[in-house]
Protein backbone atom coordinates (compact mmCIF):
# COMPACT_ATOMS: atom_id res chain seq x y z
CA UNK A 1 -0.12 0.08 -0.04
CA UNK A 2 1.63 3.51 -0.83
CA UNK A 3 0.92 6.93 1.14
CA UNK A 4 -1.75 8.89 -0.61
CA UNK A 5 -0.37 12.36 0.88
CA UNK A 6 2.49 13.87 2.88
CA UNK A 7 -0.20 13.44 5.64
CA UNK A 8 -0.37 10.07 5.99
CA UNK A 9 3.36 9.92 5.65
CA UNK A 10 3.37 11.84 9.08
CA UNK A 11 1.21 10.10 10.71
CA UNK A 12 2.54 6.61 10.53
CA UNK A 13 5.69 7.92 11.38
CA UNK A 14 4.83 9.68 14.46
CA UNK A 15 2.96 7.43 15.36
CA UNK A 16 5.58 4.74 15.32
CA UNK A 17 7.94 6.83 16.46
CA UNK A 18 5.21 7.37 19.82
CA UNK A 19 4.99 3.84 20.57
CA UNK A 20 9.06 3.15 20.37
CA UNK A 21 11.51 3.39 23.22
CA UNK A 22 14.44 3.49 21.10
CA UNK A 23 13.14 6.41 19.24
CA UNK A 24 12.42 10.41 19.46
CA UNK A 25 10.31 12.85 18.11
CA UNK A 26 10.61 13.26 14.33
CA UNK A 27 12.57 16.40 13.14
CA UNK A 28 11.36 17.74 9.65
CA UNK A 29 14.58 18.36 7.17
CA UNK A 30 12.05 19.56 4.56
CA UNK A 31 8.84 19.90 3.52
CA UNK A 32 7.44 21.34 0.18
CA UNK A 33 3.81 20.98 -1.21
CA UNK A 34 5.02 17.97 -2.93
CA UNK A 35 7.57 16.20 -0.49
CA UNK A 36 8.74 15.60 2.64
CA UNK A 37 12.06 14.57 4.65
CA UNK A 38 11.84 13.63 8.36
CA UNK A 39 15.01 12.62 10.68
CA UNK A 40 14.22 10.13 13.75
CA UNK A 41 16.70 10.71 16.38
CA UNK A 42 17.73 7.49 17.78
CA UNK A 43 19.16 6.31 21.01
CA UNK A 44 23.13 6.19 20.93
CA UNK A 45 22.80 9.20 18.32
CA UNK A 46 22.15 7.46 15.44
CA UNK A 47 18.76 8.43 13.10
CA UNK A 48 16.87 7.05 10.49
CA UNK A 49 16.02 9.74 7.49
CA UNK A 50 12.18 8.74 5.77
CA UNK A 51 11.77 10.21 2.78
CA UNK A 52 8.20 10.39 0.96
CA UNK A 53 7.52 12.51 -2.54
CA UNK A 54 3.66 12.60 -2.74
CA UNK A 55 3.38 12.78 -6.90
CA UNK A 56 5.96 9.75 -7.51
CA UNK A 57 4.64 8.22 -4.13
CA UNK A 58 8.30 7.25 -3.79
CA UNK A 59 9.70 6.30 -0.16
CA UNK A 60 13.05 6.21 1.29
CA UNK A 61 13.98 4.98 4.56
CA UNK A 62 17.78 5.34 5.56
CA UNK A 63 19.91 4.60 9.08
CA UNK A 64 22.19 6.98 9.42
CA UNK A 65 25.34 6.14 11.70
CA UNK A 66 28.23 8.38 12.20
CA UNK A 67 27.29 10.51 9.16
CA UNK A 68 27.20 7.15 6.89
CA UNK A 69 23.94 5.45 5.83
CA UNK A 70 24.44 2.00 7.03
CA UNK A 71 21.49 0.38 6.00
CA UNK A 72 18.31 2.21 3.66
CA UNK A 73 15.35 0.75 1.76
CA UNK A 74 14.36 2.89 -1.25
CA UNK A 75 10.73 2.47 -2.36
CA UNK A 76 9.63 -0.50 -0.37
CA UNK A 77 7.13 -3.11 -1.02
CA UNK A 78 5.67 -4.13 2.37
CA UNK A 79 2.37 -4.26 4.00
CA UNK A 80 1.26 -1.46 6.92
CA UNK A 81 0.50 -3.80 9.44
CA UNK A 82 2.34 -3.52 12.74
CA UNK A 83 4.88 -6.18 14.33
CA UNK A 84 6.31 -5.87 17.90
CA UNK A 85 10.11 -6.02 17.89
CA UNK A 86 11.82 -6.47 20.79
CA UNK A 87 9.05 -4.47 22.70
CA UNK A 88 8.88 -1.79 19.78
CA UNK A 89 5.85 -1.40 17.86
CA UNK A 90 6.78 -0.20 14.32
CA UNK A 91 5.78 -0.49 10.75
CA UNK A 92 7.50 -3.24 8.40
CA UNK A 93 8.49 -0.27 6.41
CA UNK A 94 11.00 0.18 8.87
CA UNK A 95 11.09 -2.74 10.59
CA UNK A 96 14.44 -3.68 9.28
CA UNK A 97 16.46 -0.53 9.89
CA UNK A 98 15.30 -0.48 13.22
CA UNK A 99 16.03 -4.26 13.62
CA UNK A 100 19.47 -3.45 12.42
CA UNK A 101 20.15 -0.59 14.65
CA UNK A 102 19.22 -2.73 17.51
CA UNK A 103 21.41 -5.93 16.45
CA UNK A 104 24.45 -3.07 16.22
CA UNK A 105 23.21 -1.14 19.19
CA UNK A 106 23.83 -5.03 21.18
CA UNK A 107 26.85 -5.99 19.67
CA UNK A 108 28.20 -2.53 21.11
CA UNK A 109 27.27 -3.30 24.55
CA UNK A 110 28.94 -6.68 24.73
């Protein structure tokens, strides 16, 4: 399912973040009439950049750590249903990004 508009995209990101102990409040980096780029800060200084273009319906999610994109998903074709991952509810669109972040966070602690 594709997002219908910018508002739907922002609502889904905000909803996901509100149910996460790992993510902080999304910050709007750029917004025009047709696209939005959000940054979701994470514990540990990393962040997820989330992009949506309303005209082309393109989405992009990237996990950024130390200024480098370490994982990304462009136009992921996944269900919008929610799944529980280590106590965090997130849309499946961002499941892989958060999962990767969690694995790296745990490996740094070990």
